[in-house]
Amino acid sequence: VEWACEEGQEVSAGTIVCRIQSDARALLGAERAALNFLQMLSGVASTTRRYVQAIEGVSPNPRGCSVLDTRKTLPG
């Protein structure tokens, strides 16, 4: 696996995230699960980023306000 993006980097649609070189049978067997996992994690990260940006600089507390304990797991 060769990653083309840094973790946490904001990317737009169509951006190549990584390149994977593997045996065709193994790659095709894992493709759907890997894509579903990447999409789910990307959705959680994007939503979390929106919440973080929404509260940025609005707290009267000198230490600010932060989003804690975001979980990248599926419900259930």
PDB file of N, CA and C in Angstrom:
ATOM      1  N   VAL A   1       0.856  -1.172   0.000  1.00  0.00           N
ATOM      2  CA  VAL A   1       0.000   0.000   0.000  1.00  0.00           C
ATOM      3  C   VAL A   1       0.900   1.232   0.000  1.00  0.00           C
ATOM      4  N   GLU A   2       0.652   2.127  -0.931  1.00  0.00           N
ATOM      5  CA  GLU A   2       1.373   3.391  -1.004  1.00  0.00           C
ATOM      6  C   GLU A   2       0.355   4.512  -0.799  1.00  0.00           C
ATOM      7  N   TRP A   3       0.428   5.184   0.338  1.00  0.00           N
ATOM      8  CA  TRP A   3      -0.532   6.238   0.669  1.00  0.00           C
ATOM      9  C   TRP A   3      -0.154   7.527  -0.053  1.00  0.00           C
ATOM     10  N   ALA A   4      -1.130   8.174  -0.685  1.00  0.00           N
ATOM     11  CA  ALA A   4      -0.914   9.417  -1.413  1.00  0.00           C
ATOM     12  C   ALA A   4      -1.340  10.632  -0.590  1.00  0.00           C
ATOM     13  N   CYS A   5      -1.994  10.404   0.531  1.00  0.00           N
ATOM     14  CA  CYS A   5      -2.492  11.487   1.394  1.00  0.00           C
ATOM     15  C   CYS A   5      -2.046  11.234   2.818  1.00  0.00           C
ATOM     16  N   GLU A   6      -1.888  12.325   3.555  1.00  0.00           N
ATOM     17  CA  GLU A   6      -1.559  12.226   4.973  1.00  0.00           C
ATOM     18  C   GLU A   6      -2.838  11.982   5.768  1.00  0.00           C
ATOM     19  N   GLU A   7      -2.721  11.321   6.905  1.00  0.00           N
ATOM     20  CA  GLU A   7      -3.884  11.113   7.763  1.00  0.00           C
ATOM     21  C   GLU A   7      -4.419  12.466   8.217  1.00  0.00           C
ATOM     22  N   GLY A   8      -5.728  12.637   8.104  1.00  0.00           N
ATOM     23  CA  GLY A   8      -6.368  13.884   8.507  1.00  0.00           C
ATOM     24  C   GLY A   8      -6.380  14.960   7.431  1.00  0.00           C
ATOM     25  N   GLN A   9      -5.707  14.706   6.325  1.00  0.00           N
ATOM     26  CA  GLN A   9      -5.668  15.680   5.233  1.00  0.00           C
ATOM     27  C   GLN A   9      -7.035  15.782   4.573  1.00  0.00           C
ATOM     28  N   GLU A  10      -7.476  16.995   4.304  1.00  0.00           N
ATOM     29  CA  GLU A  10      -8.746  17.192   3.614  1.00  0.00           C
ATOM     30  C   GLU A  10      -8.525  16.970   2.123  1.00  0.00           C
ATOM     31  N   VAL A  11      -9.352  16.132   1.517  1.00  0.00           N
ATOM     32  CA  VAL A  11      -9.233  15.821   0.086  1.00  0.00           C
ATOM     33  C   VAL A  11     -10.575  16.030  -0.595  1.00  0.00           C
ATOM     34  N   SER A  12     -10.550  16.263  -1.881  1.00  0.00           N
ATOM     35  CA  SER A  12     -11.793  16.453  -2.627  1.00  0.00           C
ATOM     36  C   SER A  12     -12.123  15.182  -3.403  1.00  0.00           C
ATOM     37  N   ALA A  13     -13.344  15.120  -3.909  1.00  0.00           N
ATOM     38  CA  ALA A  13     -13.791  13.963  -4.679  1.00  0.00           C
ATOM     39  C   ALA A  13     -12.848  13.734  -5.858  1.00  0.00           C
ATOM     40  N   GLY A  14     -12.549  12.485  -6.107  1.00  0.00           N
ATOM     41  CA  GLY A  14     -11.687  12.126  -7.227  1.00  0.00           C
ATOM     42  C   GLY A  14     -10.210  12.057  -6.889  1.00  0.00           C
ATOM     43  N   THR A  15      -9.845  12.432  -5.667  1.00  0.00           N
ATOM     44  CA  THR A  15      -8.447  12.391  -5.250  1.00  0.00           C
ATOM     45  C   THR A  15      -8.005  10.944  -5.037  1.00  0.00           C
ATOM     46  N   ILE A  16      -6.836  10.598  -5.529  1.00  0.00           N
ATOM     47  CA  ILE A  16      -6.276   9.263  -5.277  1.00  0.00           C
ATOM     48  C   ILE A  16      -5.765   9.247  -3.844  1.00  0.00           C
ATOM     49  N   VAL A  17      -6.287   8.333  -3.045  1.00  0.00           N
ATOM     50  CA  VAL A  17      -5.925   8.245  -1.633  1.00  0.00           C
ATOM     51  C   VAL A  17      -4.737   7.311  -1.441  1.00  0.00           C
ATOM     52  N   CYS A  18      -4.746   6.198  -2.164  1.00  0.00           N
ATOM     53  CA  CYS A  18      -3.628   5.260  -2.065  1.00  0.00           C
ATOM     54  C   CYS A  18      -3.571   4.397  -3.317  1.00  0.00           C
ATOM     55  N   ARG A  19      -2.457   3.737  -3.491  1.00  0.00           N
ATOM     56  CA  ARG A  19      -2.276   2.753  -4.561  1.00  0.00           C
ATOM     57  C   ARG A  19      -1.919   1.437  -3.886  1.00  0.00           C
ATOM     58  N   ILE A  20      -2.579   0.384  -4.336  1.00  0.00           N
ATOM     59  CA  ILE A  20      -2.357  -0.928  -3.737  1.00  0.00           C
ATOM     60  C   ILE A  20      -1.887  -1.889  -4.820  1.00  0.00           C
ATOM     61  N   GLN A  21      -0.806  -2.575  -4.543  1.00  0.00           N
ATOM     62  CA  GLN A  21      -0.298  -3.586  -5.466  1.00  0.00           C
ATOM     63  C   GLN A  21      -0.386  -4.928  -4.755  1.00  0.00           C
ATOM     64  N   SER A  22      -1.064  -5.880  -5.410  1.00  0.00           N
ATOM     65  CA  SER A  22      -1.307  -7.161  -4.759  1.00  0.00           C
ATOM     66  C   SER A  22      -1.664  -8.203  -5.800  1.00  0.00           C
ATOM     67  N   ASP A  23      -1.723  -9.441  -5.363  1.00  0.00           N
ATOM     68  CA  ASP A  23      -2.247 -10.530  -6.162  1.00  0.00           C
ATOM     69  C   ASP A  23      -3.702 -10.200  -6.496  1.00  0.00           C
ATOM     70  N   ALA A  24      -4.103 -10.378  -7.750  1.00  0.00           N
ATOM     71  CA  ALA A  24      -5.449  -9.987  -8.186  1.00  0.00           C
ATOM     72  C   ALA A  24      -6.536 -10.663  -7.361  1.00  0.00           C
ATOM     73  N   ARG A  25      -6.402 -11.923  -7.068  1.00  0.00           N
ATOM     74  CA  ARG A  25      -7.430 -12.642  -6.304  1.00  0.00           C
ATOM     75  C   ARG A  25      -7.587 -12.049  -4.906  1.00  0.00           C
ATOM     76  N   ALA A  26      -6.481 -11.789  -4.244  1.00  0.00           N
ATOM     77  CA  ALA A  26      -6.528 -11.211  -2.891  1.00  0.00           C
ATOM     78  C   ALA A  26      -7.103  -9.800  -2.937  1.00  0.00           C
ATOM     79  N   LEU A  27      -6.688  -9.020  -3.928  1.00  0.00           N
ATOM     80  CA  LEU A  27      -7.156  -7.651  -4.044  1.00  0.00           C
ATOM     81  C   LEU A  27      -8.656  -7.596  -4.300  1.00  0.00           C
ATOM     82  N   LEU A  28      -9.143  -8.393  -5.210  1.00  0.00           N
ATOM     83  CA  LEU A  28     -10.572  -8.395  -5.509  1.00  0.00           C
ATOM     84  C   LEU A  28     -11.396  -8.929  -4.345  1.00  0.00           C
ATOM     85  N   GLY A  29     -10.836  -9.841  -3.576  1.00  0.00           N
ATOM     86  CA  GLY A  29     -11.535 -10.387  -2.422  1.00  0.00           C
ATOM     87  C   GLY A  29     -11.696  -9.389  -1.291  1.00  0.00           C
ATOM     88  N   ALA A  30     -10.777  -8.441  -1.193  1.00  0.00           N
ATOM     89  CA  ALA A  30     -10.801  -7.476  -0.093  1.00  0.00           C
ATOM     90  C   ALA A  30     -11.300  -6.102  -0.524  1.00  0.00           C
ATOM     91  N   GLU A  31     -11.472  -5.892  -1.814  1.00  0.00           N
ATOM     92  CA  GLU A  31     -11.791  -4.561  -2.337  1.00  0.00           C
ATOM     93  C   GLU A  31     -13.045  -3.949  -1.724  1.00  0.00           C
ATOM     94  N   ARG A  32     -14.161  -4.643  -1.752  1.00  0.00           N
ATOM     95  CA  ARG A  32     -15.436  -4.077  -1.292  1.00  0.00           C
ATOM     96  C   ARG A  32     -15.389  -3.734   0.190  1.00  0.00           C
ATOM     97  N   ALA A  33     -14.865  -4.647   0.996  1.00  0.00           N
ATOM     98  CA  ALA A  33     -14.784  -4.382   2.440  1.00  0.00           C
ATOM     99  C   ALA A  33     -13.876  -3.185   2.724  1.00  0.00           C
ATOM    100  N   ALA A  34     -12.753  -3.089   2.024  1.00  0.00           N
ATOM    101  CA  ALA A  34     -11.822  -1.971   2.232  1.00  0.00           C
ATOM    102  C   ALA A  34     -12.454  -0.649   1.814  1.00  0.00           C
ATOM    103  N   LEU A  35     -13.152  -0.624   0.686  1.00  0.00           N
ATOM    104  CA  LEU A  35     -13.798   0.610   0.231  1.00  0.00           C
ATOM    105  C   LEU A  35     -14.916   1.036   1.182  1.00  0.00           C
ATOM    106  N   ASN A  36     -15.704   0.090   1.651  1.00  0.00           N
ATOM    107  CA  ASN A  36     -16.770   0.410   2.609  1.00  0.00           C
ATOM    108  C   ASN A  36     -16.178   0.989   3.892  1.00  0.00           C
ATOM    109  N   PHE A  37     -15.099   0.386   4.366  1.00  0.00           N
ATOM    110  CA  PHE A  37     -14.441   0.843   5.589  1.00  0.00           C
ATOM    111  C   PHE A  37     -13.891   2.258   5.401  1.00  0.00           C
ATOM    112  N   LEU A  38     -13.219   2.503   4.283  1.00  0.00           N
ATOM    113  CA  LEU A  38     -12.653   3.823   4.009  1.00  0.00           C
ATOM    114  C   LEU A  38     -13.748   4.877   3.884  1.00  0.00           C
ATOM    115  N   GLN A  39     -14.848   4.542   3.235  1.00  0.00           N
ATOM    116  CA  GLN A  39     -15.953   5.482   3.094  1.00  0.00           C
ATOM    117  C   GLN A  39     -16.579   5.820   4.446  1.00  0.00           C
ATOM    118  N   MET A  40     -16.772   4.818   5.272  1.00  0.00           N
ATOM    119  CA  MET A  40     -17.369   5.039   6.586  1.00  0.00           C
ATOM    120  C   MET A  40     -16.458   5.923   7.448  1.00  0.00           C
ATOM    121  N   LEU A  41     -15.165   5.614   7.467  1.00  0.00           N
ATOM    122  CA  LEU A  41     -14.237   6.423   8.261  1.00  0.00           C
ATOM    123  C   LEU A  41     -14.142   7.849   7.729  1.00  0.00           C
ATOM    124  N   SER A  42     -14.180   8.003   6.420  1.00  0.00           N
ATOM    125  CA  SER A  42     -14.129   9.337   5.820  1.00  0.00           C
ATOM    126  C   SER A  42     -15.364  10.152   6.188  1.00  0.00           C
ATOM    127  N   GLY A  43     -16.520   9.505   6.219  1.00  0.00           N
ATOM    128  CA  GLY A  43     -17.753  10.186   6.607  1.00  0.00           C
ATOM    129  C   GLY A  43     -17.710  10.656   8.044  1.00  0.00           C
ATOM    130  N   VAL A  44     -17.219   9.821   8.935  1.00  0.00           N
ATOM    131  CA  VAL A  44     -17.092  10.195  10.351  1.00  0.00           C
ATOM    132  C   VAL A  44     -16.112  11.352  10.488  1.00  0.00           C
ATOM    133  N   ALA A  45     -14.986  11.274   9.791  1.00  0.00           N
ATOM    134  CA  ALA A  45     -13.975  12.329   9.877  1.00  0.00           C
ATOM    135  C   ALA A  45     -14.513  13.653   9.338  1.00  0.00           C
ATOM    136  N   SER A  46     -15.255  13.607   8.236  1.00  0.00           N
ATOM    137  CA  SER A  46     -15.808  14.833   7.648  1.00  0.00           C
ATOM    138  C   SER A  46     -16.837  15.475   8.572  1.00  0.00           C
ATOM    139  N   THR A  47     -17.695  14.669   9.168  1.00  0.00           N
ATOM    140  CA  THR A  47     -18.699  15.191  10.094  1.00  0.00           C
ATOM    141  C   THR A  47     -18.030  15.781  11.335  1.00  0.00           C
ATOM    142  N   THR A  48     -17.037  15.086  11.857  1.00  0.00           N
ATOM    143  CA  THR A  48     -16.309  15.576  13.024  1.00  0.00           C
ATOM    144  C   THR A  48     -15.636  16.901  12.714  1.00  0.00           C
ATOM    145  N   ARG A  49     -15.022  17.007  11.539  1.00  0.00           N
ATOM    146  CA  ARG A  49     -14.364  18.259  11.146  1.00  0.00           C
ATOM    147  C   ARG A  49     -15.368  19.412  11.120  1.00  0.00           C
ATOM    148  N   ARG A  50     -16.591  19.158  10.622  1.00  0.00           N
ATOM    149  CA  ARG A  50     -17.623  20.210  10.585  1.00  0.00           C
ATOM    150  C   ARG A  50     -17.980  20.664  11.996  1.00  0.00           C
ATOM    151  N   TYR A  51     -18.113  19.720  12.932  1.00  0.00           N
ATOM    152  CA  TYR A  51     -18.418  20.084  14.320  1.00  0.00           C
ATOM    153  C   TYR A  51     -17.281  20.898  14.931  1.00  0.00           C
ATOM    154  N   VAL A  52     -16.054  20.485  14.705  1.00  0.00           N
ATOM    155  CA  VAL A  52     -14.890  21.197  15.245  1.00  0.00           C
ATOM    156  C   VAL A  52     -14.842  22.616  14.696  1.00  0.00           C
ATOM    157  N   GLN A  53     -15.061  22.764  13.399  1.00  0.00           N
ATOM    158  CA  GLN A  53     -15.054  24.101  12.801  1.00  0.00           C
ATOM    159  C   GLN A  53     -16.214  24.954  13.320  1.00  0.00           C
ATOM    160  N   ALA A  54     -17.364  24.334  13.594  1.00  0.00           N
ATOM    161  CA  ALA A  54     -18.538  25.074  14.067  1.00  0.00           C
ATOM    162  C   ALA A  54     -18.321  25.667  15.454  1.00  0.00           C
ATOM    163  N   ILE A  55     -17.557  25.010  16.319  1.00  0.00           N
ATOM    164  CA  ILE A  55     -17.368  25.510  17.689  1.00  0.00           C
ATOM    165  C   ILE A  55     -16.066  26.276  17.862  1.00  0.00           C
ATOM    166  N   GLU A  56     -15.260  26.339  16.825  1.00  0.00           N
ATOM    167  CA  GLU A  56     -13.960  26.999  16.912  1.00  0.00           C
ATOM    168  C   GLU A  56     -14.106  28.470  17.292  1.00  0.00           C
ATOM    169  N   GLY A  57     -13.494  28.837  18.403  1.00  0.00           N
ATOM    170  CA  GLY A  57     -13.467  30.235  18.828  1.00  0.00           C
ATOM    171  C   GLY A  57     -14.739  30.780  19.438  1.00  0.00           C
ATOM    172  N   VAL A  58     -15.747  29.943  19.742  1.00  0.00           N
ATOM    173  CA  VAL A  58     -17.002  30.472  20.278  1.00  0.00           C
ATOM    174  C   VAL A  58     -17.138  30.329  21.794  1.00  0.00           C
ATOM    175  N   SER A  59     -16.232  29.624  22.424  1.00  0.00           N
ATOM    176  CA  SER A  59     -16.340  29.402  23.865  1.00  0.00           C
ATOM    177  C   SER A  59     -15.757  30.561  24.657  1.00  0.00           C
ATOM    178  N   PRO A  60     -16.483  31.035  25.702  1.00  0.00           N
ATOM    179  CA  PRO A  60     -15.926  32.071  26.570  1.00  0.00           C
ATOM    180  C   PRO A  60     -14.861  31.514  27.521  1.00  0.00           C
ATOM    181  N   ASN A  61     -14.773  30.192  27.624  1.00  0.00           N
ATOM    182  CA  ASN A  61     -13.783  29.544  28.480  1.00  0.00           C
ATOM    183  C   ASN A  61     -12.387  29.845  27.924  1.00  0.00           C
ATOM    184  N   PRO A  62     -11.435  30.292  28.753  1.00  0.00           N
ATOM    185  CA  PRO A  62     -10.084  30.607  28.267  1.00  0.00           C
ATOM    186  C   PRO A  62      -9.388  29.413  27.619  1.00  0.00           C
ATOM    187  N   ARG A  63      -9.764  28.222  28.028  1.00  0.00           N
ATOM    188  CA  ARG A  63      -9.153  27.027  27.436  1.00  0.00           C
ATOM    189  C   ARG A  63      -9.847  26.609  26.150  1.00  0.00           C
ATOM    190  N   GLY A  64     -10.904  27.299  25.794  1.00  0.00           N
ATOM    191  CA  GLY A  64     -11.616  26.985  24.561  1.00  0.00           C
ATOM    192  C   GLY A  64     -12.581  25.826  24.723  1.00  0.00           C
ATOM    193  N   CYS A  65     -13.018  25.322  23.633  1.00  0.00           N
ATOM    194  CA  CYS A  65     -13.976  24.233  23.593  1.00  0.00           C
ATOM    195  C   CYS A  65     -13.460  23.214  22.592  1.00  0.00           C
ATOM    196  N   SER A  66     -13.680  21.935  22.843  1.00  0.00           N
ATOM    197  CA  SER A  66     -13.187  20.927  21.909  1.00  0.00           C
ATOM    198  C   SER A  66     -14.163  19.768  21.800  1.00  0.00           C
ATOM    199  N   VAL A  67     -14.102  19.098  20.681  1.00  0.00           N
ATOM    200  CA  VAL A  67     -14.906  17.906  20.446  1.00  0.00           C
ATOM    201  C   VAL A  67     -14.087  16.726  20.943  1.00  0.00           C
ATOM    202  N   LEU A  68     -14.671  15.915  21.817  1.00  0.00           N
ATOM    203  CA  LEU A  68     -13.959  14.780  22.405  1.00  0.00           C
ATOM    204  C   LEU A  68     -14.623  13.460  22.045  1.00  0.00           C
ATOM    205  N   ASP A  69     -13.846  12.430  22.085  1.00  0.00           N
ATOM    206  CA  ASP A  69     -14.334  11.057  21.997  1.00  0.00           C
ATOM    207  C   ASP A  69     -15.135  10.747  20.737  1.00  0.00           C
ATOM    208  N   THR A  70     -14.677  11.201  19.589  1.00  0.00           N
ATOM    209  CA  THR A  70     -15.327  10.784  18.356  1.00  0.00           C
ATOM    210  C   THR A  70     -14.933   9.326  18.121  1.00  0.00           C
ATOM    211  N   ARG A  71     -15.907   8.528  17.763  1.00  0.00           N
ATOM    212  CA  ARG A  71     -15.661   7.092  17.602  1.00  0.00           C
ATOM    213  C   ARG A  71     -15.849   6.706  16.158  1.00  0.00           C
ATOM    214  N   LYS A  72     -14.890   6.024  15.629  1.00  0.00           N
ATOM    215  CA  LYS A  72     -14.967   5.560  14.244  1.00  0.00           C
ATOM    216  C   LYS A  72     -15.415   4.103  14.242  1.00  0.00           C
ATOM    217  N   THR A  73     -16.596   3.862  14.784  1.00  0.00           N
ATOM    218  CA  THR A  73     -17.167   2.523  14.789  1.00  0.00           C
ATOM    219  C   THR A  73     -18.606   2.589  14.328  1.00  0.00           C
ATOM    220  N   LEU A  74     -19.091   1.500  13.791  1.00  0.00           N
ATOM    221  CA  LEU A  74     -20.485   1.428  13.373  1.00  0.00           C
ATOM    222  C   LEU A  74     -21.369   1.178  14.571  1.00  0.00           C
ATOM    223  N   PRO A  75     -22.553   1.751  14.617  1.00  0.00           N
ATOM    224  CA  PRO A  75     -23.476   1.468  15.716  1.00  0.00           C
ATOM    225  C   PRO A  75     -23.801  -0.034  15.794  1.00  0.00           C
ATOM    226  N   GLY A  76     -23.914  -0.540  17.027  1.00  0.00           N
ATOM    227  CA  GLY A  76     -24.274  -1.950  17.217  1.00  0.00           C
ATOM    228  C   GLY A  76     -23.107  -2.863  17.084  1.00  0.00           C
TER     229      GLY A  76
END
